[in-house]
């Protein structure tokens, strides 16, 4: 089979790596890809939002299957024209991808179908939102309605912080039109958990749970990022809670989407909070998480191609998916200044040494210039250690991360520490 992956970050590198293991794959393309992906697949310099060009390439190269990684093209409706062109593609259609593309739609869906989530109100008027905000207890959560590269959520500890976030979204347009509408939501206290699931209509095949670290600095301090690290399994979380989330949140959401005439086909990502009052939904994404994918896919034993084909062809209910018992920990190496502005073009050293030590190194923001890998993004690399348990996987991830360097590199030193404390 000839397969084309859409995207160019660490998630897509992990997807390409997993697909490459399949004996069914004869040729892999990635558009646009990155320097790390180029070691496994032929990178095609077509941006993810150039649908007509991507379709033309797929036709000209007889692509058998397209796999979409990022949220932006899904929200913009990339799946629909590919389906109209008769090219098999893995991902939700535009009307289903709205579960991530609009937080207001997502919250309304959960409310309508009584799926557990935080209490909230939505606003299109700044003054009304500000008045409501000032009457709420702290902490409070302020969310831009649309996509914002994983950064459109502020957990405000003070009223000043909340007002600044609201002003930035609605008046200063720091996230463009994504902030024209906002969700103001109660703060949920507890343990976070991410569960990704392969979904084909009402059929849900959950992946192993993971936990992400969003704030940029140790001890969950500093601004939110796209994710500074993640790990799986979650030995400190009762498996009963995981099953509860699947049965009372993920499966009902898939069924609700069918009822709404928006059947979901692809990967549904549930961001969850384990509170004193049970598991509640923080968010849904319409694709694989980043960096959750970098630890979840290395534990997948079933051929990823078989899973995707089953979902695309409406046969996911006929497939059982197997996972390994090993642990995986991912540490994100970031550029100086991230998640704000950051420099590019800094030479990366130590990649071969880290890989020789047994780590998986997924490239998120790299280029290859004059014979050297250089930085080209905020999140540069995801270093994944694997082991019999979290402690062993974590030690291997940090050992490998210590072998890599570039000017201004920073990373959290406490990824998965919570799992060790229990």
Protein backbone atom coordinates (compact mmCIF):
# COMPACT_ATOMS: atom_id res chain seq x y z
CA UNK A 1 0.00 0.00 0.00
CA UNK A 2 0.99 3.58 -0.62
CA UNK A 3 0.09 5.78 2.36
CA UNK A 4 0.32 9.55 2.78
CA UNK A 5 0.34 11.15 6.24
CA UNK A 6 -0.77 14.79 6.47
CA UNK A 7 1.18 16.93 8.95
CA UNK A 8 4.69 17.69 10.06
CA UNK A 9 5.09 17.46 13.85
CA UNK A 10 6.02 14.97 16.53
CA UNK A 11 2.62 13.28 16.38
CA UNK A 12 3.01 12.70 12.64
CA UNK A 13 6.55 11.36 13.14
CA UNK A 14 5.12 8.82 15.61
CA UNK A 15 2.33 7.90 13.19
CA UNK A 16 4.80 7.45 10.32
CA UNK A 17 7.05 5.36 12.60
CA UNK A 18 4.12 3.08 13.51
CA UNK A 19 2.94 2.73 9.90
CA UNK A 20 6.47 1.98 8.73
CA UNK A 21 6.45 -1.21 10.83
CA UNK A 22 3.57 -2.68 8.79
CA UNK A 23 4.39 -5.22 6.11
CA UNK A 24 1.41 -3.89 4.16
CA UNK A 25 3.14 -0.57 3.46
CA UNK A 26 5.21 -0.33 0.29
CA UNK A 27 5.67 3.46 0.21
CA UNK A 28 5.16 6.23 2.76
CA UNK A 29 4.74 9.92 2.01
CA UNK A 30 4.30 12.78 4.45
CA UNK A 31 3.08 16.28 3.60
CA UNK A 32 4.90 18.42 4.54
CA UNK A 33 6.81 16.29 7.07
CA UNK A 34 9.99 17.35 8.87
CA UNK A 35 13.67 16.41 9.02
CA UNK A 36 13.06 13.40 11.28
CA UNK A 37 10.13 12.11 9.27
CA UNK A 38 12.29 12.35 6.14
CA UNK A 39 14.36 9.45 7.50
CA UNK A 40 11.30 7.17 7.25
CA UNK A 41 9.10 8.62 4.49
CA UNK A 42 9.33 10.80 1.40
CA UNK A 43 8.40 14.32 2.44
CA UNK A 44 6.21 16.31 0.07
CA UNK A 45 6.40 20.13 0.31
CA UNK A 46 2.64 20.73 0.28
CA UNK A 47 1.08 22.66 3.21
CA UNK A 48 -1.69 20.89 5.13
CA UNK A 49 -4.29 23.49 4.07
CA UNK A 50 -3.75 23.08 0.31
CA UNK A 51 -6.46 20.47 -0.18
CA UNK A 52 -6.61 20.57 -4.00
CA UNK A 53 -2.82 20.12 -4.26
CA UNK A 54 -2.86 17.25 -1.78
CA UNK A 55 -5.67 15.51 -3.67
CA UNK A 56 -3.81 16.01 -6.95
CA UNK A 57 -0.67 14.48 -5.47
CA UNK A 58 -2.63 11.55 -4.05
CA UNK A 59 -4.19 10.87 -7.46
CA UNK A 60 -0.93 11.26 -9.38
CA UNK A 61 0.88 8.88 -7.04
CA UNK A 62 -1.95 6.34 -6.67
CA UNK A 63 -2.16 6.77 -2.90
CA UNK A 64 -4.22 4.00 -1.29
CA UNK A 65 -4.80 5.68 2.08
CA UNK A 66 -4.44 9.13 3.61
CA UNK A 67 -4.00 9.64 7.37
CA UNK A 68 -4.59 13.13 8.78
CA UNK A 69 -2.58 14.19 11.84
CA UNK A 70 -3.29 17.84 12.82
CA UNK A 71 -6.45 19.58 13.95
CA UNK A 72 -6.43 22.56 11.55
CA UNK A 73 -7.04 20.67 8.28
CA UNK A 74 -9.65 18.45 9.95
CA UNK A 75 -11.57 21.46 11.27
CA UNK A 76 -11.32 23.07 7.82
CA UNK A 77 -12.89 19.97 6.23
CA UNK A 78 -10.03 18.12 4.52
CA UNK A 79 -11.78 14.74 4.76
CA UNK A 80 -14.87 15.73 2.73
CA UNK A 81 -13.13 16.57 -0.60
CA UNK A 82 -10.90 13.50 -0.34
CA UNK A 83 -13.98 11.32 0.10
CA UNK A 84 -15.65 13.07 -2.84
CA UNK A 85 -12.54 12.29 -4.89
CA UNK A 86 -12.82 8.61 -3.93
CA UNK A 87 -9.54 8.57 -1.98
CA UNK A 88 -9.71 6.62 1.31
CA UNK A 89 -8.89 8.94 4.22
CA UNK A 90 -8.74 8.44 7.98
CA UNK A 91 -10.22 11.28 9.99
CA UNK A 92 -13.59 12.83 10.84
CA UNK A 93 -15.58 14.86 8.32
CA UNK A 94 -15.89 18.60 8.89
CA UNK A 95 -19.22 18.38 10.72
CA UNK A 96 -17.77 15.78 13.12
CA UNK A 97 -14.43 17.57 13.59
CA UNK A 98 -16.42 20.47 15.06
CA UNK A 99 -16.25 18.62 18.37
CA UNK A 100 -12.75 20.09 18.57
CA UNK A 101 -13.17 23.06 16.26
CA UNK A 102 -15.80 24.67 18.51
CA UNK A 103 -15.72 24.36 22.28
CA UNK A 104 -19.22 25.85 22.35
CA UNK A 105 -20.52 23.04 20.12
CA UNK A 106 -18.72 20.46 22.24
CA UNK A 107 -20.06 21.78 25.53
CA UNK A 108 -23.58 22.02 24.11
CA UNK A 109 -23.40 18.40 22.94
CA UNK A 110 -22.30 17.18 26.36
CA UNK A 111 -25.02 19.19 28.08
CA UNK A 112 -27.74 17.90 25.73
CA UNK A 113 -26.78 14.27 26.27
CA UNK A 114 -25.99 14.61 30.03
CA UNK A 115 -22.34 13.65 29.60
CA UNK A 116 -20.28 14.75 32.64
CA UNK A 117 -18.39 18.03 32.20
CA UNK A 118 -17.68 21.27 34.07
CA UNK A 119 -20.41 23.89 34.50
CA UNK A 120 -20.02 26.72 31.99
CA UNK A 121 -21.46 29.69 30.12
CA UNK A 122 -20.69 30.90 26.60
CA UNK A 123 -20.33 34.48 25.40
CA UNK A 124 -20.03 36.52 22.22
CA UNK A 125 -20.17 39.90 23.98
CA UNK A 126 -17.11 41.06 25.90
CA UNK A 127 -18.92 43.17 28.50
CA UNK A 128 -21.37 40.37 29.30
CA UNK A 129 -18.49 37.91 29.63
CA UNK A 130 -16.56 40.30 31.88
CA UNK A 131 -19.58 40.85 34.14
CA UNK A 132 -20.15 37.09 34.48
CA UNK A 133 -16.45 36.46 35.08
CA UNK A 134 -16.32 38.93 37.97
CA UNK A 135 -19.16 37.12 39.74
CA UNK A 136 -17.51 33.67 39.64
CA UNK A 137 -15.36 31.95 42.26
CA UNK A 138 -11.65 31.48 41.58
CA UNK A 139 -9.83 29.69 40.05
CA UNK A 140 -11.76 30.00 36.76
CA UNK A 141 -11.13 28.70 33.25
CA UNK A 142 -11.36 30.91 30.15
CA UNK A 143 -11.37 29.20 26.74
CA UNK A 144 -11.33 30.52 23.19
CA UNK A 145 -14.08 28.78 21.22
CA UNK A 146 -11.98 27.83 18.19
CA UNK A 147 -8.60 26.23 17.58
CA UNK A 148 -5.58 27.97 19.09
CA UNK A 149 -2.69 25.50 18.69
CA UNK A 150 -3.44 24.00 22.12
CA UNK A 151 -2.92 27.36 23.84
CA UNK A 152 -6.41 28.88 23.88
CA UNK A 153 -7.15 27.88 27.47
CA UNK A 154 -6.24 29.91 30.56
CA UNK A 155 -6.62 28.52 34.06
CA UNK A 156 -6.77 31.80 35.99
CA UNK A 157 -5.87 31.83 39.69
CA UNK A 158 -6.60 35.55 40.08
CA UNK A 159 -9.28 37.85 38.72
CA UNK A 160 -6.60 39.97 37.04
CA UNK A 161 -5.28 36.93 35.21
CA UNK A 162 -8.80 35.95 34.11
CA UNK A 163 -9.60 39.46 32.88
CA UNK A 164 -6.32 39.63 30.98
CA UNK A 165 -7.08 36.30 29.26
CA UNK A 166 -10.60 37.40 28.35
CA UNK A 167 -9.38 40.74 27.00
CA UNK A 168 -6.64 39.03 25.00
CA UNK A 169 -9.09 36.61 23.40
CA UNK A 170 -12.08 38.85 22.70
CA UNK A 171 -10.58 42.33 22.22
CA UNK A 172 -6.90 41.90 21.32
CA UNK A 173 -7.65 38.84 19.14
CA UNK A 174 -4.47 37.03 20.20
CA UNK A 175 -6.01 33.85 18.73
CA UNK A 176 -7.71 35.60 15.81
CA UNK A 177 -11.34 34.74 15.23
CA UNK A 178 -11.00 31.70 17.52
CA UNK A 179 -11.51 34.09 20.43
CA UNK A 180 -14.58 35.88 19.09
CA UNK A 181 -16.63 33.52 21.24
CA UNK A 182 -15.50 32.24 24.62
CA UNK A 183 -16.40 29.60 27.17
CA UNK A 184 -16.07 30.50 30.85
CA UNK A 185 -15.96 27.31 32.85
CA UNK A 186 -15.73 26.17 36.44
CA UNK A 187 -12.30 25.00 37.53
CA UNK A 188 -12.09 21.25 38.06
CA UNK A 189 -9.72 19.96 40.73
CA UNK A 190 -8.13 16.54 40.47
CA UNK A 191 -5.97 14.27 38.32
CA UNK A 192 -5.93 14.74 34.57
CA UNK A 193 -6.11 11.79 32.21
CA UNK A 194 -6.11 11.45 28.43
CA UNK A 195 -7.87 8.61 26.64
CA UNK A 196 -7.61 8.35 22.87
CA UNK A 197 -9.97 6.02 21.03
CA UNK A 198 -10.31 4.67 17.52
CA UNK A 199 -13.91 5.38 16.59
CA UNK A 200 -16.15 4.26 13.74
CA UNK A 201 -19.62 5.63 14.35
CA UNK A 202 -20.84 3.98 17.55
CA UNK A 203 -17.93 1.53 17.69
CA UNK A 204 -15.25 2.68 20.15
CA UNK A 205 -11.89 0.97 20.62
CA UNK A 206 -10.05 2.83 23.40
CA UNK A 207 -6.29 3.12 23.48
CA UNK A 208 -4.24 2.85 26.66
CA UNK A 209 -4.63 5.95 28.88
CA UNK A 210 -1.90 8.57 29.18
CA UNK A 211 -1.23 11.73 31.16
CA UNK A 212 0.08 14.98 29.67
CA UNK A 213 1.96 17.89 31.27
CA UNK A 214 0.75 21.20 29.79
CA UNK A 215 2.50 23.99 31.78
CA UNK A 216 5.99 24.81 30.54
CA UNK A 217 7.88 24.55 33.85
CA UNK A 218 8.29 22.00 36.64
CA UNK A 219 5.53 21.68 39.25
CA UNK A 220 2.96 22.73 36.63
CA UNK A 221 4.13 26.33 36.71
CA UNK A 222 4.19 28.85 33.87
CA UNK A 223 1.96 29.23 30.80
CA UNK A 224 0.25 26.34 29.07
CA UNK A 225 1.96 24.76 26.07
CA UNK A 226 0.99 22.17 23.49
CA UNK A 227 2.41 19.60 25.94
CA UNK A 228 5.84 19.22 27.59
CA UNK A 229 5.73 15.49 28.15
CA UNK A 230 3.52 12.50 28.72
CA UNK A 231 3.52 8.93 29.95
CA UNK A 232 1.59 5.66 29.96
CA UNK A 233 0.32 3.58 31.77
CA UNK A 234 -1.14 5.40 34.79
CA UNK A 235 -0.36 3.09 37.73
CA UNK A 236 -1.63 5.66 40.26
CA UNK A 237 -5.11 5.80 38.71
CA UNK A 238 -7.70 3.11 39.47
CA UNK A 239 -8.56 1.14 36.30
CA UNK A 240 -12.21 1.37 37.39
CA UNK A 241 -12.04 5.13 36.72
CA UNK A 242 -10.62 4.52 33.26
CA UNK A 243 -13.45 2.14 32.44
CA UNK A 244 -15.95 4.60 33.90
CA UNK A 245 -14.67 7.31 31.56
CA UNK A 246 -14.97 5.02 28.55
CA UNK A 247 -18.49 3.85 29.41
CA UNK A 248 -19.97 7.16 30.58
CA UNK A 249 -18.10 9.74 28.49
CA UNK A 250 -16.40 8.43 25.34
CA UNK A 251 -18.96 5.84 24.19
CA UNK A 252 -21.97 8.13 24.89
CA UNK A 253 -20.23 10.95 22.99
CA UNK A 254 -19.68 8.74 19.94
CA UNK A 255 -23.35 7.73 20.05
CA UNK A 256 -24.42 11.37 20.51
CA UNK A 257 -22.47 12.37 17.39
CA UNK A 258 -24.32 9.69 15.42
CA UNK A 259 -27.64 10.94 16.79
CA UNK A 260 -26.73 14.47 15.70
CA UNK A 261 -26.08 13.31 12.13
CA UNK A 262 -22.33 13.82 12.60
CA UNK A 263 -20.95 10.27 12.83
CA UNK A 264 -17.33 10.37 13.97
CA UNK A 265 -14.73 8.26 12.18
CA UNK A 266 -11.12 8.64 13.21
CA UNK A 267 -9.43 9.18 16.57
CA UNK A 268 -11.47 10.81 19.33
CA UNK A 269 -9.31 12.24 22.10
CA UNK A 270 -10.88 12.80 25.51
CA UNK A 271 -9.16 15.14 27.94
CA UNK A 272 -10.55 14.19 31.36
CA UNK A 273 -10.38 15.24 35.00
CA UNK A 274 -10.79 12.80 37.85
CA UNK A 275 -12.61 14.87 40.46
CA UNK A 276 -14.06 14.11 43.89
CA UNK A 277 -17.41 13.87 42.07
CA UNK A 278 -16.24 11.42 39.41
CA UNK A 279 -14.62 11.70 35.99
CA UNK A 280 -15.56 14.79 33.98
CA UNK A 281 -14.78 15.96 30.46
CA UNK A 282 -12.37 18.85 29.99
CA UNK A 283 -12.17 18.71 26.19
CA UNK A 284 -12.47 16.56 23.10
CA UNK A 285 -10.03 16.57 20.21
CA UNK A 286 -10.76 15.15 16.78
CA UNK A 287 -7.35 13.57 16.23
CA UNK A 288 -4.45 11.89 17.99
CA UNK A 289 -2.94 13.93 20.81
CA UNK A 290 0.50 15.49 20.74
CA UNK A 291 2.56 14.31 22.62
CA UNK A 292 0.27 11.48 23.84
CA UNK A 293 0.66 9.71 20.48
CA UNK A 294 4.41 9.44 21.06
CA UNK A 295 3.91 7.15 24.07
CA UNK A 296 0.67 5.40 23.13
CA UNK A 297 1.64 4.12 19.66
CA UNK A 298 4.88 2.48 20.89
CA UNK A 299 2.66 0.26 23.09
CA UNK A 300 0.42 -0.78 20.17
CA UNK A 301 0.91 -4.43 19.15
CA UNK A 302 -1.83 -4.63 16.48
CA UNK A 303 -0.86 -3.37 13.00
CA UNK A 304 -1.90 0.30 12.83
CA UNK A 305 -2.74 -0.12 9.13
CA UNK A 306 -5.25 -2.86 9.98
CA UNK A 307 -6.93 -0.61 12.56
CA UNK A 308 -7.18 2.37 10.23
CA UNK A 309 -8.50 0.30 7.34
CA UNK A 310 -11.10 -1.30 9.62
CA UNK A 311 -12.32 2.13 10.70
CA UNK A 312 -12.33 3.57 7.18
CA UNK A 313 -14.28 0.58 5.89
CA UNK A 314 -16.76 0.44 8.79
CA UNK A 315 -15.38 -2.79 10.23
CA UNK A 316 -13.83 -1.59 13.48
CA UNK A 317 -16.34 -3.68 15.45
CA UNK A 318 -14.74 -6.81 13.98
CA UNK A 319 -11.23 -6.02 15.21
CA UNK A 320 -9.65 -6.62 18.61
CA UNK A 321 -6.69 -4.39 19.41
CA UNK A 322 -3.72 -5.57 21.49
CA UNK A 323 -1.39 -3.45 23.63
CA UNK A 324 1.92 -4.23 25.29
CA UNK A 325 2.36 -4.07 29.08
CA UNK A 326 5.47 -1.90 28.85
CA UNK A 327 5.63 1.71 30.01
CA UNK A 328 6.63 4.72 27.91
CA UNK A 329 7.65 8.23 28.98
CA UNK A 330 8.10 11.18 26.60
CA UNK A 331 10.12 14.28 27.49
CA UNK A 332 9.72 17.28 25.17
CA UNK A 333 12.86 19.29 24.40
CA UNK A 334 11.81 22.85 23.66
CA UNK A 335 13.36 25.98 22.19
CA UNK A 336 14.42 28.97 24.25
CA UNK A 337 11.41 31.23 24.78
CA UNK A 338 8.74 28.61 24.06
CA UNK A 339 5.70 28.86 24.36
CA UNK A 340 6.25 32.52 23.40
CA UNK A 341 8.50 33.53 20.47
CA UNK A 342 11.64 31.47 19.96
CA UNK A 343 14.75 31.45 17.74
CA UNK A 344 15.26 28.96 14.94
CA UNK A 345 18.24 27.40 13.19
CA UNK A 346 20.14 26.21 16.26
CA UNK A 347 22.25 23.11 15.63
CA UNK A 348 21.12 19.92 17.39
CA UNK A 349 23.71 17.41 18.62
CA UNK A 350 23.49 14.01 20.28
CA UNK A 351 20.62 12.50 18.27
CA UNK A 352 22.54 9.39 17.24
CA UNK A 353 23.76 8.82 20.78
CA UNK A 354 20.22 9.05 22.19
CA UNK A 355 18.86 6.62 19.62
CA UNK A 356 21.80 4.25 20.17
CA UNK A 357 20.87 4.21 23.86
CA UNK A 358 17.47 2.79 22.85
CA UNK A 359 15.33 5.91 22.96
CA UNK A 360 12.78 6.81 20.34
CA UNK A 361 13.40 10.38 19.20
CA UNK A 362 10.41 11.94 17.45
CA UNK A 363 11.06 15.21 15.63
CA UNK A 364 8.49 17.96 16.19
CA UNK A 365 10.21 21.11 14.96
CA UNK A 366 13.41 20.33 13.04
CA UNK A 367 14.98 21.02 9.65
CA UNK A 368 18.07 19.61 7.94
CA UNK A 369 20.50 22.27 6.75
CA UNK A 370 24.09 21.93 5.53
CA UNK A 371 24.30 18.36 6.77
CA UNK A 372 23.01 19.11 10.28
CA UNK A 373 19.69 18.91 12.12
CA UNK A 374 18.60 22.35 13.33
CA UNK A 375 15.66 23.70 15.32
CA UNK A 376 12.64 25.08 13.45
CA UNK A 377 9.86 24.97 16.05
CA UNK A 378 8.97 25.64 19.67
CA UNK A 379 8.70 22.01 20.61
CA UNK A 380 11.74 20.51 18.90
CA UNK A 381 11.99 16.85 19.90
CA UNK A 382 10.08 14.23 21.87
CA UNK A 383 12.44 11.76 23.58
CA UNK A 384 10.69 8.52 24.52
CA UNK A 385 12.06 5.95 26.93
CA UNK A 386 10.48 2.52 27.26
CA UNK A 387 10.73 0.01 30.07
CA UNK A 388 9.06 -2.59 32.25
CA UNK A 389 7.52 0.15 34.40
CA UNK A 390 7.31 3.94 34.65
CA UNK A 391 10.51 4.22 36.70
CA UNK A 392 12.59 2.36 34.12
CA UNK A 393 11.02 4.15 31.14
CA UNK A 394 11.46 7.53 32.83
CA UNK A 395 15.12 6.89 33.64
CA UNK A 396 15.80 5.92 30.03
CA UNK A 397 13.96 8.96 28.66
CA UNK A 398 15.93 11.39 30.82
CA UNK A 399 19.22 9.61 30.15
CA UNK A 400 18.63 10.02 26.40
CA UNK A 401 17.41 13.61 26.78
CA UNK A 402 20.67 14.41 28.55
CA UNK A 403 22.62 13.27 25.49
CA UNK A 404 20.94 15.81 23.22
CA UNK A 405 21.71 19.51 23.19
CA UNK A 406 21.09 22.73 21.31
CA UNK A 407 21.51 26.31 22.40
CA UNK A 408 18.70 27.44 24.70
CA UNK A 409 17.19 23.95 25.06
CA UNK A 410 14.90 23.45 28.04
CA UNK A 411 12.66 20.67 29.32
CA UNK A 412 10.71 19.70 32.42
CA UNK A 413 12.50 17.45 34.90
CA UNK A 414 9.33 16.11 36.55
CA UNK A 415 7.56 14.23 33.75
CA UNK A 416 5.79 11.17 35.25
CA UNK A 417 7.06 12.01 38.76
CA UNK A 418 3.45 11.96 39.96
CA UNK A 419 3.11 8.34 38.85
CA UNK A 420 6.10 7.36 40.98
CA UNK A 421 4.72 9.10 44.06
CA UNK A 422 1.39 7.28 43.65
